[in-house]
């Protein structure tokens, strides 16, 4: 019975959150038509053992569970953390990325493993 109630609440929350315009950080553009979207890889839902979390955009802290951000066209600085799991141990590296975002473009953060660190780049 408790599981059923939990599933109903979780399903309702997921459905409602999909219908809202979630703001990931202060300063995120309200007009999404010209904004570029940058997607990370949530370490909680990643299929691979690598997750990439966007921590801030231009010094503005990103909310904890945001997996994507929208930015105005132009130059931006992203602060990202790459989580890497090896044999049950989690390693992380912090990266500063300079991004030249184009209007209406969709970008994906990606990574490449180098030993126990990962390098992050934009695709």
PDB file of N, CA and C in Angstrom:
ATOM      1  N   UNK A   1       0.823  -1.191   0.000  1.00  0.00           N
ATOM      2  CA  UNK A   1       0.000   0.000   0.000  1.00  0.00           C
ATOM      3  C   UNK A   1       0.869   1.258   0.000  1.00  0.00           C
ATOM      4  N   UNK A   2       1.933   1.280   0.827  1.00  0.00           N
ATOM      5  CA  UNK A   2       2.821   2.443   0.876  1.00  0.00           C
ATOM      6  C   UNK A   2       3.537   2.628  -0.447  1.00  0.00           C
ATOM      7  N   UNK A   3       3.903   1.520  -1.088  1.00  0.00           N
ATOM      8  CA  UNK A   3       4.592   1.601  -2.373  1.00  0.00           C
ATOM      9  C   UNK A   3       3.661   2.189  -3.422  1.00  0.00           C
ATOM     10  N   UNK A   4       2.400   1.805  -3.403  1.00  0.00           N
ATOM     11  CA  UNK A   4       1.431   2.322  -4.366  1.00  0.00           C
ATOM     12  C   UNK A   4       1.254   3.837  -4.205  1.00  0.00           C
ATOM     13  N   UNK A   5       1.154   4.295  -2.968  1.00  0.00           N
ATOM     14  CA  UNK A   5       1.013   5.728  -2.714  1.00  0.00           C
ATOM     15  C   UNK A   5       2.257   6.470  -3.183  1.00  0.00           C
ATOM     16  N   UNK A   6       3.431   5.912  -2.872  1.00  0.00           N
ATOM     17  CA  UNK A   6       4.680   6.523  -3.320  1.00  0.00           C
ATOM     18  C   UNK A   6       4.727   6.614  -4.841  1.00  0.00           C
ATOM     19  N   UNK A   7       4.341   5.553  -5.531  1.00  0.00           N
ATOM     20  CA  UNK A   7       4.368   5.553  -6.994  1.00  0.00           C
ATOM     21  C   UNK A   7       3.394   6.578  -7.570  1.00  0.00           C
ATOM     22  N   UNK A   8       2.234   6.717  -6.959  1.00  0.00           N
ATOM     23  CA  UNK A   8       1.257   7.707  -7.430  1.00  0.00           C
ATOM     24  C   UNK A   8       1.814   9.121  -7.257  1.00  0.00           C
ATOM     25  N   UNK A   9       2.405   9.392  -6.102  1.00  0.00           N
ATOM     26  CA  UNK A   9       2.977  10.717  -5.840  1.00  0.00           C
ATOM     27  C   UNK A   9       4.150  10.984  -6.786  1.00  0.00           C
ATOM     28  N   UNK A  10       5.033  10.008  -6.961  1.00  0.00           N
ATOM     29  CA  UNK A  10       6.195  10.176  -7.836  1.00  0.00           C
ATOM     30  C   UNK A  10       5.761  10.394  -9.282  1.00  0.00           C
ATOM     31  N   UNK A  11       4.768   9.639  -9.738  1.00  0.00           N
ATOM     32  CA  UNK A  11       4.281   9.790 -11.110  1.00  0.00           C
ATOM     33  C   UNK A  11       3.650  11.158 -11.307  1.00  0.00           C
ATOM     34  N   UNK A  12       2.870  11.604 -10.344  1.00  0.00           N
ATOM     35  CA  UNK A  12       2.251  12.929 -10.418  1.00  0.00           C
ATOM     36  C   UNK A  12       3.304  14.020 -10.461  1.00  0.00           C
ATOM     37  N   UNK A  13       4.324  13.918  -9.594  1.00  0.00           N
ATOM     38  CA  UNK A  13       5.403  14.894  -9.576  1.00  0.00           C
ATOM     39  C   UNK A  13       6.121  14.945 -10.917  1.00  0.00           C
ATOM     40  N   UNK A  14       6.443  13.781 -11.481  1.00  0.00           N
ATOM     41  CA  UNK A  14       7.146  13.735 -12.772  1.00  0.00           C
ATOM     42  C   UNK A  14       6.293  14.340 -13.881  1.00  0.00           C
ATOM     43  N   UNK A  15       5.008  14.034 -13.879  1.00  0.00           N
ATOM     44  CA  UNK A  15       4.112  14.576 -14.907  1.00  0.00           C
ATOM     45  C   UNK A  15       4.005  16.090 -14.800  1.00  0.00           C
ATOM     46  N   UNK A  16       3.859  16.598 -13.592  1.00  0.00           N
ATOM     47  CA  UNK A  16       3.732  18.042 -13.409  1.00  0.00           C
ATOM     48  C   UNK A  16       5.028  18.775 -13.694  1.00  0.00           C
ATOM     49  N   UNK A  17       6.152  18.187 -13.335  1.00  0.00           N
ATOM     50  CA  UNK A  17       7.426  18.861 -13.575  1.00  0.00           C
ATOM     51  C   UNK A  17       7.746  18.928 -15.059  1.00  0.00           C
ATOM     52  N   UNK A  18       7.234  18.005 -15.842  1.00  0.00           N
ATOM     53  CA  UNK A  18       7.442  18.045 -17.286  1.00  0.00           C
ATOM     54  C   UNK A  18       6.672  19.159 -17.954  1.00  0.00           C
ATOM     55  N   UNK A  19       5.639  19.676 -17.295  1.00  0.00           N
ATOM     56  CA  UNK A  19       4.798  20.732 -17.859  1.00  0.00           C
ATOM     57  C   UNK A  19       5.242  22.121 -17.437  1.00  0.00           C
ATOM     58  N   UNK A  20       6.243  22.216 -16.609  1.00  0.00           N
ATOM     59  CA  UNK A  20       6.676  23.522 -16.134  1.00  0.00           C
ATOM     60  C   UNK A  20       7.942  23.951 -16.841  1.00  0.00           C
ATOM     61  N   UNK A  21       8.229  25.242 -16.769  1.00  0.00           N
ATOM     62  CA  UNK A  21       9.459  25.777 -17.331  1.00  0.00           C
ATOM     63  C   UNK A  21      10.438  25.938 -16.168  1.00  0.00           C
ATOM     64  N   UNK A  22      11.229  24.933 -15.904  1.00  0.00           N
ATOM     65  CA  UNK A  22      12.146  24.888 -14.775  1.00  0.00           C
ATOM     66  C   UNK A  22      13.314  25.832 -15.002  1.00  0.00           C
ATOM     67  N   UNK A  23      13.571  26.709 -14.051  1.00  0.00           N
ATOM     68  CA  UNK A  23      14.698  27.636 -14.125  1.00  0.00           C
ATOM     69  C   UNK A  23      15.848  27.031 -13.338  1.00  0.00           C
ATOM     70  N   UNK A  24      16.947  26.751 -14.016  1.00  0.00           N
ATOM     71  CA  UNK A  24      18.067  26.056 -13.395  1.00  0.00           C
ATOM     72  C   UNK A  24      18.980  26.988 -12.591  1.00  0.00           C
ATOM     73  N   UNK A  25      19.036  28.270 -12.941  1.00  0.00           N
ATOM     74  CA  UNK A  25      19.902  29.209 -12.228  1.00  0.00           C
ATOM     75  C   UNK A  25      19.378  30.618 -12.427  1.00  0.00           C
ATOM     76  N   UNK A  26      19.754  31.523 -11.525  1.00  0.00           N
ATOM     77  CA  UNK A  26      19.338  32.919 -11.687  1.00  0.00           C
ATOM     78  C   UNK A  26      20.116  33.503 -12.866  1.00  0.00           C
ATOM     79  N   UNK A  27      19.423  34.200 -13.716  1.00  0.00           N
ATOM     80  CA  UNK A  27      20.065  34.733 -14.914  1.00  0.00           C
ATOM     81  C   UNK A  27      19.752  33.916 -16.151  1.00  0.00           C
ATOM     82  N   UNK A  28      19.092  32.775 -15.976  1.00  0.00           N
ATOM     83  CA  UNK A  28      18.721  31.961 -17.140  1.00  0.00           C
ATOM     84  C   UNK A  28      17.709  32.739 -17.979  1.00  0.00           C
ATOM     85  N   UNK A  29      17.856  32.757 -19.316  1.00  0.00           N
ATOM     86  CA  UNK A  29      16.960  33.559 -20.149  1.00  0.00           C
ATOM     87  C   UNK A  29      15.513  33.084 -20.080  1.00  0.00           C
ATOM     88  N   UNK A  30      14.595  34.030 -20.043  1.00  0.00           N
ATOM     89  CA  UNK A  30      13.168  33.704 -20.017  1.00  0.00           C
ATOM     90  C   UNK A  30      12.684  33.289 -21.407  1.00  0.00           C
ATOM     91  N   UNK A  31      13.221  33.947 -22.438  1.00  0.00           N
ATOM     92  CA  UNK A  31      12.843  33.627 -23.814  1.00  0.00           C
ATOM     93  C   UNK A  31      13.656  32.423 -24.281  1.00  0.00           C
ATOM     94  N   UNK A  32      13.009  31.285 -24.386  1.00  0.00           N
ATOM     95  CA  UNK A  32      13.731  30.063 -24.739  1.00  0.00           C
ATOM     96  C   UNK A  32      13.876  29.871 -26.246  1.00  0.00           C
ATOM     97  N   UNK A  33      13.235  30.711 -27.049  1.00  0.00           N
ATOM     98  CA  UNK A  33      13.317  30.543 -28.501  1.00  0.00           C
ATOM     99  C   UNK A  33      14.727  30.796 -29.030  1.00  0.00           C
ATOM    100  N   UNK A  34      15.395  31.823 -28.525  1.00  0.00           N
ATOM    101  CA  UNK A  34      16.743  32.153 -28.990  1.00  0.00           C
ATOM    102  C   UNK A  34      17.837  31.560 -28.117  1.00  0.00           C
ATOM    103  N   UNK A  35      17.463  30.930 -27.017  1.00  0.00           N
ATOM    104  CA  UNK A  35      18.451  30.409 -26.074  1.00  0.00           C
ATOM    105  C   UNK A  35      19.068  29.110 -26.585  1.00  0.00           C
ATOM    106  N   UNK A  36      20.311  28.909 -26.220  1.00  0.00           N
ATOM    107  CA  UNK A  36      20.972  27.627 -26.475  1.00  0.00           C
ATOM    108  C   UNK A  36      20.766  26.752 -25.240  1.00  0.00           C
ATOM    109  N   UNK A  37      20.688  25.449 -25.446  1.00  0.00           N
ATOM    110  CA  UNK A  37      20.516  24.502 -24.345  1.00  0.00           C
ATOM    111  C   UNK A  37      21.767  23.644 -24.227  1.00  0.00           C
ATOM    112  N   UNK A  38      22.253  23.516 -22.996  1.00  0.00           N
ATOM    113  CA  UNK A  38      23.431  22.680 -22.721  1.00  0.00           C
ATOM    114  C   UNK A  38      23.006  21.603 -21.747  1.00  0.00           C
ATOM    115  N   UNK A  39      23.192  20.343 -22.154  1.00  0.00           N
ATOM    116  CA  UNK A  39      22.770  19.211 -21.322  1.00  0.00           C
ATOM    117  C   UNK A  39      23.977  18.508 -20.724  1.00  0.00           C
ATOM    118  N   UNK A  40      23.877  18.211 -19.441  1.00  0.00           N
ATOM    119  CA  UNK A  40      24.887  17.414 -18.761  1.00  0.00           C
ATOM    120  C   UNK A  40      24.456  15.951 -18.745  1.00  0.00           C
ATOM    121  N   UNK A  41      25.161  15.150 -17.963  1.00  0.00           N
ATOM    122  CA  UNK A  41      24.831  13.736 -17.791  1.00  0.00           C
ATOM    123  C   UNK A  41      24.714  13.493 -16.299  1.00  0.00           C
ATOM    124  N   UNK A  42      23.491  13.287 -15.819  1.00  0.00           N
ATOM    125  CA  UNK A  42      23.268  13.094 -14.392  1.00  0.00           C
ATOM    126  C   UNK A  42      23.975  11.835 -13.906  1.00  0.00           C
ATOM    127  N   UNK A  43      24.807  11.932 -12.864  1.00  0.00           N
ATOM    128  CA  UNK A  43      25.488  10.733 -12.364  1.00  0.00           C
ATOM    129  C   UNK A  43      24.521   9.756 -11.709  1.00  0.00           C
ATOM    130  N   UNK A  44      23.315  10.228 -11.361  1.00  0.00           N
ATOM    131  CA  UNK A  44      22.344   9.349 -10.722  1.00  0.00           C
ATOM    132  C   UNK A  44      21.601   8.496 -11.730  1.00  0.00           C
ATOM    133  N   UNK A  45      21.508   8.964 -12.983  1.00  0.00           N
ATOM    134  CA  UNK A  45      20.759   8.235 -13.996  1.00  0.00           C
ATOM    135  C   UNK A  45      21.615   7.814 -15.176  1.00  0.00           C
ATOM    136  N   UNK A  46      22.907   7.990 -15.084  1.00  0.00           N
ATOM    137  CA  UNK A  46      23.796   7.681 -16.203  1.00  0.00           C
ATOM    138  C   UNK A  46      23.882   6.172 -16.432  1.00  0.00           C
ATOM    139  N   UNK A  47      23.875   5.786 -17.694  1.00  0.00           N
ATOM    140  CA  UNK A  47      24.054   4.381 -18.055  1.00  0.00           C
ATOM    141  C   UNK A  47      25.525   4.016 -17.924  1.00  0.00           C
ATOM    142  N   UNK A  48      26.386   4.916 -18.331  1.00  0.00           N
ATOM    143  CA  UNK A  48      27.826   4.689 -18.214  1.00  0.00           C
ATOM    144  C   UNK A  48      28.273   5.081 -16.804  1.00  0.00           C
ATOM    145  N   UNK A  49      29.492   4.721 -16.423  1.00  0.00           N
ATOM    146  CA  UNK A  49      29.969   5.086 -15.085  1.00  0.00           C
ATOM    147  C   UNK A  49      30.467   6.530 -14.980  1.00  0.00           C
ATOM    148  N   UNK A  50      30.110   7.352 -15.947  1.00  0.00           N
ATOM    149  CA  UNK A  50      30.553   8.740 -15.943  1.00  0.00           C
ATOM    150  C   UNK A  50      29.332   9.666 -15.889  1.00  0.00           C
ATOM    151  N   UNK A  51      29.384  10.660 -15.023  1.00  0.00           N
ATOM    152  CA  UNK A  51      28.338  11.672 -14.956  1.00  0.00           C
ATOM    153  C   UNK A  51      28.961  13.043 -15.014  1.00  0.00           C
ATOM    154  N   UNK A  52      28.272  14.007 -15.650  1.00  0.00           N
ATOM    155  CA  UNK A  52      28.779  15.373 -15.763  1.00  0.00           C
ATOM    156  C   UNK A  52      27.699  16.314 -15.249  1.00  0.00           C
ATOM    157  N   UNK A  53      28.010  17.049 -14.199  1.00  0.00           N
ATOM    158  CA  UNK A  53      27.050  17.943 -13.571  1.00  0.00           C
ATOM    159  C   UNK A  53      27.492  19.390 -13.781  1.00  0.00           C
ATOM    160  N   UNK A  54      26.562  20.227 -14.237  1.00  0.00           N
ATOM    161  CA  UNK A  54      26.836  21.656 -14.415  1.00  0.00           C
ATOM    162  C   UNK A  54      26.635  22.321 -13.059  1.00  0.00           C
ATOM    163  N   UNK A  55      27.698  22.882 -12.490  1.00  0.00           N
ATOM    164  CA  UNK A  55      27.640  23.509 -11.166  1.00  0.00           C
ATOM    165  C   UNK A  55      27.303  24.998 -11.228  1.00  0.00           C
ATOM    166  N   UNK A  56      27.822  25.697 -12.267  1.00  0.00           N
ATOM    167  CA  UNK A  56      27.494  27.115 -12.399  1.00  0.00           C
ATOM    168  C   UNK A  56      27.638  27.566 -13.845  1.00  0.00           C
ATOM    169  N   UNK A  57      26.919  28.644 -14.165  1.00  0.00           N
ATOM    170  CA  UNK A  57      26.988  29.291 -15.475  1.00  0.00           C
ATOM    171  C   UNK A  57      27.314  30.755 -15.227  1.00  0.00           C
ATOM    172  N   UNK A  58      28.441  31.198 -15.736  1.00  0.00           N
ATOM    173  CA  UNK A  58      28.878  32.589 -15.559  1.00  0.00           C
ATOM    174  C   UNK A  58      28.870  32.996 -14.087  1.00  0.00           C
ATOM    175  N   UNK A  59      29.250  32.078 -13.203  1.00  0.00           N
ATOM    176  CA  UNK A  59      29.315  32.354 -11.776  1.00  0.00           C
ATOM    177  C   UNK A  59      27.997  32.196 -11.036  1.00  0.00           C
ATOM    178  N   UNK A  60      26.895  31.925 -11.747  1.00  0.00           N
ATOM    179  CA  UNK A  60      25.590  31.726 -11.123  1.00  0.00           C
ATOM    180  C   UNK A  60      25.392  30.245 -10.830  1.00  0.00           C
ATOM    181  N   UNK A  61      25.195  29.918  -9.550  1.00  0.00           N
ATOM    182  CA  UNK A  61      25.070  28.529  -9.121  1.00  0.00           C
ATOM    183  C   UNK A  61      23.834  27.872  -9.744  1.00  0.00           C
ATOM    184  N   UNK A  62      24.018  26.665 -10.276  1.00  0.00           N
ATOM    185  CA  UNK A  62      22.927  25.896 -10.876  1.00  0.00           C
ATOM    186  C   UNK A  62      22.276  25.050  -9.788  1.00  0.00           C
ATOM    187  N   UNK A  63      20.957  24.946  -9.841  1.00  0.00           N
ATOM    188  CA  UNK A  63      20.225  24.156  -8.854  1.00  0.00           C
ATOM    189  C   UNK A  63      20.657  22.701  -8.900  1.00  0.00           C
ATOM    190  N   UNK A  64      20.546  22.045  -7.782  1.00  0.00           N
ATOM    191  CA  UNK A  64      21.133  20.727  -7.557  1.00  0.00           C
ATOM    192  C   UNK A  64      20.773  19.658  -8.586  1.00  0.00           C
ATOM    193  N   UNK A  65      19.515  19.499  -8.933  1.00  0.00           N
ATOM    194  CA  UNK A  65      19.126  18.396  -9.808  1.00  0.00           C
ATOM    195  C   UNK A  65      18.890  18.814 -11.255  1.00  0.00           C
ATOM    196  N   UNK A  66      19.357  19.991 -11.636  1.00  0.00           N
ATOM    197  CA  UNK A  66      19.199  20.444 -13.024  1.00  0.00           C
ATOM    198  C   UNK A  66      20.172  19.684 -13.912  1.00  0.00           C
ATOM    199  N   UNK A  67      19.644  19.054 -14.954  1.00  0.00           N
ATOM    200  CA  UNK A  67      20.516  18.308 -15.866  1.00  0.00           C
ATOM    201  C   UNK A  67      20.799  19.092 -17.142  1.00  0.00           C
ATOM    202  N   UNK A  68      20.117  20.249 -17.295  1.00  0.00           N
ATOM    203  CA  UNK A  68      20.374  21.097 -18.459  1.00  0.00           C
ATOM    204  C   UNK A  68      20.196  22.548 -18.061  1.00  0.00           C
ATOM    205  N   UNK A  69      20.846  23.423 -18.838  1.00  0.00           N
ATOM    206  CA  UNK A  69      20.712  24.866 -18.634  1.00  0.00           C
ATOM    207  C   UNK A  69      20.474  25.516 -19.988  1.00  0.00           C
ATOM    208  N   UNK A  70      19.865  26.684 -19.941  1.00  0.00           N
ATOM    209  CA  UNK A  70      19.687  27.494 -21.145  1.00  0.00           C
ATOM    210  C   UNK A  70      20.522  28.758 -20.982  1.00  0.00           C
ATOM    211  N   UNK A  71      21.167  29.161 -22.065  1.00  0.00           N
ATOM    212  CA  UNK A  71      22.001  30.367 -22.035  1.00  0.00           C
ATOM    213  C   UNK A  71      21.676  31.241 -23.239  1.00  0.00           C
ATOM    214  N   UNK A  72      21.934  32.524 -23.090  1.00  0.00           N
ATOM    215  CA  UNK A  72      21.785  33.450 -24.217  1.00  0.00           C
ATOM    216  C   UNK A  72      22.917  33.172 -25.213  1.00  0.00           C
ATOM    217  N   UNK A  73      22.707  33.499 -26.471  1.00  0.00           N
ATOM    218  CA  UNK A  73      23.794  33.340 -27.444  1.00  0.00           C
ATOM    219  C   UNK A  73      25.013  34.159 -27.022  1.00  0.00           C
ATOM    220  N   UNK A  74      26.197  33.610 -27.267  1.00  0.00           N
ATOM    221  CA  UNK A  74      27.432  34.321 -26.945  1.00  0.00           C
ATOM    222  C   UNK A  74      28.341  33.513 -26.039  1.00  0.00           C
ATOM    223  N   UNK A  75      29.335  34.196 -25.467  1.00  0.00           N
ATOM    224  CA  UNK A  75      30.367  33.571 -24.638  1.00  0.00           C
ATOM    225  C   UNK A  75      29.850  33.324 -23.213  1.00  0.00           C
ATOM    226  N   UNK A  76      30.132  32.139 -22.686  1.00  0.00           N
ATOM    227  CA  UNK A  76      29.755  31.784 -21.319  1.00  0.00           C
ATOM    228  C   UNK A  76      30.837  30.890 -20.713  1.00  0.00           C
ATOM    229  N   UNK A  77      30.908  30.931 -19.394  1.00  0.00           N
ATOM    230  CA  UNK A  77      31.821  30.036 -18.685  1.00  0.00           C
ATOM    231  C   UNK A  77      31.003  29.065 -17.846  1.00  0.00           C
ATOM    232  N   UNK A  78      31.256  27.781 -18.048  1.00  0.00           N
ATOM    233  CA  UNK A  78      30.595  26.733 -17.278  1.00  0.00           C
ATOM    234  C   UNK A  78      31.581  26.141 -16.287  1.00  0.00           C
ATOM    235  N   UNK A  79      31.104  25.909 -15.088  1.00  0.00           N
ATOM    236  CA  UNK A  79      31.868  25.172 -14.087  1.00  0.00           C
ATOM    237  C   UNK A  79      31.185  23.810 -13.988  1.00  0.00           C
ATOM    238  N   UNK A  80      31.886  22.744 -14.364  1.00  0.00           N
ATOM    239  CA  UNK A  80      31.291  21.410 -14.369  1.00  0.00           C
ATOM    240  C   UNK A  80      32.131  20.449 -13.544  1.00  0.00           C
ATOM    241  N   UNK A  81      31.475  19.438 -13.005  1.00  0.00           N
ATOM    242  CA  UNK A  81      32.156  18.375 -12.275  1.00  0.00           C
ATOM    243  C   UNK A  81      31.876  17.073 -13.003  1.00  0.00           C
ATOM    244  N   UNK A  82      32.934  16.324 -13.248  1.00  0.00           N
ATOM    245  CA  UNK A  82      32.818  15.026 -13.899  1.00  0.00           C
ATOM    246  C   UNK A  82      33.018  13.937 -12.845  1.00  0.00           C
ATOM    247  N   UNK A  83      31.999  13.099 -12.688  1.00  0.00           N
ATOM    248  CA  UNK A  83      32.050  11.984 -11.740  1.00  0.00           C
ATOM    249  C   UNK A  83      32.390  10.714 -12.510  1.00  0.00           C
ATOM    250  N   UNK A  84      33.306   9.952 -11.974  1.00  0.00           N
ATOM    251  CA  UNK A  84      33.754   8.729 -12.623  1.00  0.00           C
ATOM    252  C   UNK A  84      33.777   7.620 -11.580  1.00  0.00           C
ATOM    253  N   UNK A  85      33.129   6.508 -11.881  1.00  0.00           N
ATOM    254  CA  UNK A  85      33.105   5.395 -10.947  1.00  0.00           C
ATOM    255  C   UNK A  85      33.971   4.259 -11.485  1.00  0.00           C
ATOM    256  N   UNK A  86      34.958   3.856 -10.673  1.00  0.00           N
ATOM    257  CA  UNK A  86      35.871   2.766 -11.041  1.00  0.00           C
ATOM    258  C   UNK A  86      35.911   1.786  -9.886  1.00  0.00           C
ATOM    259  N   UNK A  87      35.510   0.558 -10.130  1.00  0.00           N
ATOM    260  CA  UNK A  87      35.521  -0.509  -9.116  1.00  0.00           C
ATOM    261  C   UNK A  87      34.842  -0.074  -7.816  1.00  0.00           C
ATOM    262  N   UNK A  88      33.705   0.594  -7.942  1.00  0.00           N
ATOM    263  CA  UNK A  88      32.948   0.996  -6.765  1.00  0.00           C
ATOM    264  C   UNK A  88      33.428   2.280  -6.102  1.00  0.00           C
ATOM    265  N   UNK A  89      34.537   2.822  -6.550  1.00  0.00           N
ATOM    266  CA  UNK A  89      35.033   4.084  -6.002  1.00  0.00           C
ATOM    267  C   UNK A  89      34.668   5.221  -6.943  1.00  0.00           C
ATOM    268  N   UNK A  90      34.275   6.357  -6.366  1.00  0.00           N
ATOM    269  CA  UNK A  90      33.888   7.508  -7.176  1.00  0.00           C
ATOM    270  C   UNK A  90      34.989   8.572  -7.129  1.00  0.00           C
ATOM    271  N   UNK A  91      35.432   8.974  -8.306  1.00  0.00           N
ATOM    272  CA  UNK A  91      36.427  10.035  -8.461  1.00  0.00           C
ATOM    273  C   UNK A  91      35.735  11.215  -9.130  1.00  0.00           C
ATOM    274  N   UNK A  92      36.191  12.422  -8.844  1.00  0.00           N
ATOM    275  CA  UNK A  92      35.630  13.562  -9.554  1.00  0.00           C
ATOM    276  C   UNK A  92      36.710  14.571  -9.874  1.00  0.00           C
ATOM    277  N   UNK A  93      36.495  15.255 -11.003  1.00  0.00           N
ATOM    278  CA  UNK A  93      37.379  16.333 -11.431  1.00  0.00           C
ATOM    279  C   UNK A  93      36.515  17.528 -11.806  1.00  0.00           C
ATOM    280  N   UNK A  94      37.009  18.705 -11.509  1.00  0.00           N
ATOM    281  CA  UNK A  94      36.282  19.944 -11.785  1.00  0.00           C
ATOM    282  C   UNK A  94      36.908  20.585 -13.023  1.00  0.00           C
ATOM    283  N   UNK A  95      36.052  21.137 -13.880  1.00  0.00           N
ATOM    284  CA  UNK A  95      36.513  21.744 -15.129  1.00  0.00           C
ATOM    285  C   UNK A  95      35.834  23.090 -15.345  1.00  0.00           C
ATOM    286  N   UNK A  96      36.557  24.023 -15.925  1.00  0.00           N
ATOM    287  CA  UNK A  96      35.995  25.297 -16.395  1.00  0.00           C
ATOM    288  C   UNK A  96      35.978  25.221 -17.916  1.00  0.00           C
ATOM    289  N   UNK A  97      34.811  25.409 -18.495  1.00  0.00           N
ATOM    290  CA  UNK A  97      34.675  25.359 -19.949  1.00  0.00           C
ATOM    291  C   UNK A  97      34.222  26.714 -20.473  1.00  0.00           C
ATOM    292  N   UNK A  98      34.867  27.174 -21.525  1.00  0.00           N
ATOM    293  CA  UNK A  98      34.440  28.378 -22.230  1.00  0.00           C
ATOM    294  C   UNK A  98      33.562  27.925 -23.393  1.00  0.00           C
ATOM    295  N   UNK A  99      32.360  28.505 -23.477  1.00  0.00           N
ATOM    296  CA  UNK A  99      31.385  28.092 -24.479  1.00  0.00           C
ATOM    297  C   UNK A  99      30.968  29.303 -25.298  1.00  0.00           C
ATOM    298  N   UNK A 100      30.951  29.150 -26.614  1.00  0.00           N
ATOM    299  CA  UNK A 100      30.399  30.170 -27.503  1.00  0.00           C
ATOM    300  C   UNK A 100      29.080  29.604 -28.020  1.00  0.00           C
ATOM    301  N   UNK A 101      27.989  29.944 -27.353  1.00  0.00           N
ATOM    302  CA  UNK A 101      26.686  29.357 -27.633  1.00  0.00           C
ATOM    303  C   UNK A 101      25.990  30.054 -28.795  1.00  0.00           C
ATOM    304  N   UNK A 102      25.437  29.248 -29.687  1.00  0.00           N
ATOM    305  CA  UNK A 102      24.662  29.769 -30.811  1.00  0.00           C
ATOM    306  C   UNK A 102      23.178  29.752 -30.495  1.00  0.00           C
ATOM    307  N   UNK A 103      22.444  30.712 -31.011  1.00  0.00           N
ATOM    308  CA  UNK A 103      21.008  30.815 -30.753  1.00  0.00           C
ATOM    309  C   UNK A 103      20.275  29.556 -31.221  1.00  0.00           C
ATOM    310  N   UNK A 104      19.458  29.000 -30.337  1.00  0.00           N
ATOM    311  CA  UNK A 104      18.637  27.842 -30.677  1.00  0.00           C
ATOM    312  C   UNK A 104      19.382  26.519 -30.767  1.00  0.00           C
ATOM    313  N   UNK A 105      20.663  26.506 -30.486  1.00  0.00           N
ATOM    314  CA  UNK A 105      21.463  25.270 -30.596  1.00  0.00           C
ATOM    315  C   UNK A 105      21.303  24.390 -29.361  1.00  0.00           C
ATOM    316  N   UNK A 106      21.513  23.098 -29.545  1.00  0.00           N
ATOM    317  CA  UNK A 106      21.509  22.117 -28.461  1.00  0.00           C
ATOM    318  C   UNK A 106      22.907  21.525 -28.350  1.00  0.00           C
ATOM    319  N   UNK A 107      23.480  21.615 -27.159  1.00  0.00           N
ATOM    320  CA  UNK A 107      24.822  21.087 -26.907  1.00  0.00           C
ATOM    321  C   UNK A 107      24.744  20.002 -25.840  1.00  0.00           C
ATOM    322  N   UNK A 108      25.629  19.020 -25.950  1.00  0.00           N
ATOM    323  CA  UNK A 108      25.719  17.955 -24.958  1.00  0.00           C
ATOM    324  C   UNK A 108      27.121  17.950 -24.375  1.00  0.00           C
ATOM    325  N   UNK A 109      27.211  17.924 -23.052  1.00  0.00           N
ATOM    326  CA  UNK A 109      28.506  17.739 -22.417  1.00  0.00           C
ATOM    327  C   UNK A 109      28.870  16.268 -22.544  1.00  0.00           C
ATOM    328  N   UNK A 110      30.084  16.018 -22.890  1.00  0.00           N
ATOM    329  CA  UNK A 110      30.558  14.654 -23.053  1.00  0.00           C
ATOM    330  C   UNK A 110      31.921  14.540 -22.379  1.00  0.00           C
ATOM    331  N   UNK A 111      32.385  13.313 -22.221  1.00  0.00           N
ATOM    332  CA  UNK A 111      33.668  13.138 -21.534  1.00  0.00           C
ATOM    333  C   UNK A 111      34.416  11.951 -22.095  1.00  0.00           C
ATOM    334  N   UNK A 112      35.692  11.941 -21.775  1.00  0.00           N
ATOM    335  CA  UNK A 112      36.558  10.842 -22.152  1.00  0.00           C
ATOM    336  C   UNK A 112      37.400  10.482 -20.944  1.00  0.00           C
ATOM    337  N   UNK A 113      37.442   9.216 -20.625  1.00  0.00           N
ATOM    338  CA  UNK A 113      38.187   8.752 -19.457  1.00  0.00           C
ATOM    339  C   UNK A 113      39.674   8.656 -19.769  1.00  0.00           C
ATOM    340  N   UNK A 114      40.473   9.196 -18.855  1.00  0.00           N
ATOM    341  CA  UNK A 114      41.936   9.097 -18.929  1.00  0.00           C
ATOM    342  C   UNK A 114      42.417   8.627 -17.564  1.00  0.00           C
ATOM    343  N   UNK A 115      42.543   7.328 -17.376  1.00  0.00           N
ATOM    344  CA  UNK A 115      42.924   6.778 -16.076  1.00  0.00           C
ATOM    345  C   UNK A 115      41.809   6.981 -15.072  1.00  0.00           C
ATOM    346  N   UNK A 116      42.105   7.642 -13.952  1.00  0.00           N
ATOM    347  CA  UNK A 116      41.073   7.882 -12.945  1.00  0.00           C
ATOM    348  C   UNK A 116      40.544   9.317 -12.993  1.00  0.00           C
ATOM    349  N   UNK A 117      40.742  10.007 -14.115  1.00  0.00           N
ATOM    350  CA  UNK A 117      40.130  11.327 -14.324  1.00  0.00           C
ATOM    351  C   UNK A 117      39.369  11.312 -15.646  1.00  0.00           C
ATOM    352  N   UNK A 118      38.522  12.283 -15.823  1.00  0.00           N
ATOM    353  CA  UNK A 118      37.825  12.389 -17.099  1.00  0.00           C
ATOM    354  C   UNK A 118      37.997  13.793 -17.659  1.00  0.00           C
ATOM    355  N   UNK A 119      38.108  13.873 -18.976  1.00  0.00           N
ATOM    356  CA  UNK A 119      38.181  15.153 -19.658  1.00  0.00           C
ATOM    357  C   UNK A 119      36.804  15.465 -20.208  1.00  0.00           C
ATOM    358  N   UNK A 120      36.372  16.707 -20.067  1.00  0.00           N
ATOM    359  CA  UNK A 120      35.030  17.103 -20.473  1.00  0.00           C
ATOM    360  C   UNK A 120      35.122  18.004 -21.689  1.00  0.00           C
ATOM    361  N   UNK A 121      34.200  17.815 -22.629  1.00  0.00           N
ATOM    362  CA  UNK A 121      34.126  18.665 -23.809  1.00  0.00           C
ATOM    363  C   UNK A 121      32.670  18.793 -24.241  1.00  0.00           C
ATOM    364  N   UNK A 122      32.420  19.738 -25.129  1.00  0.00           N
ATOM    365  CA  UNK A 122      31.080  20.042 -25.601  1.00  0.00           C
ATOM    366  C   UNK A 122      30.899  19.502 -27.022  1.00  0.00           C
ATOM    367  N   UNK A 123      29.772  18.874 -27.259  1.00  0.00           N
ATOM    368  CA  UNK A 123      29.460  18.365 -28.603  1.00  0.00           C
ATOM    369  C   UNK A 123      28.222  19.051 -29.124  1.00  0.00           C
TER     370      UNK A 123
END
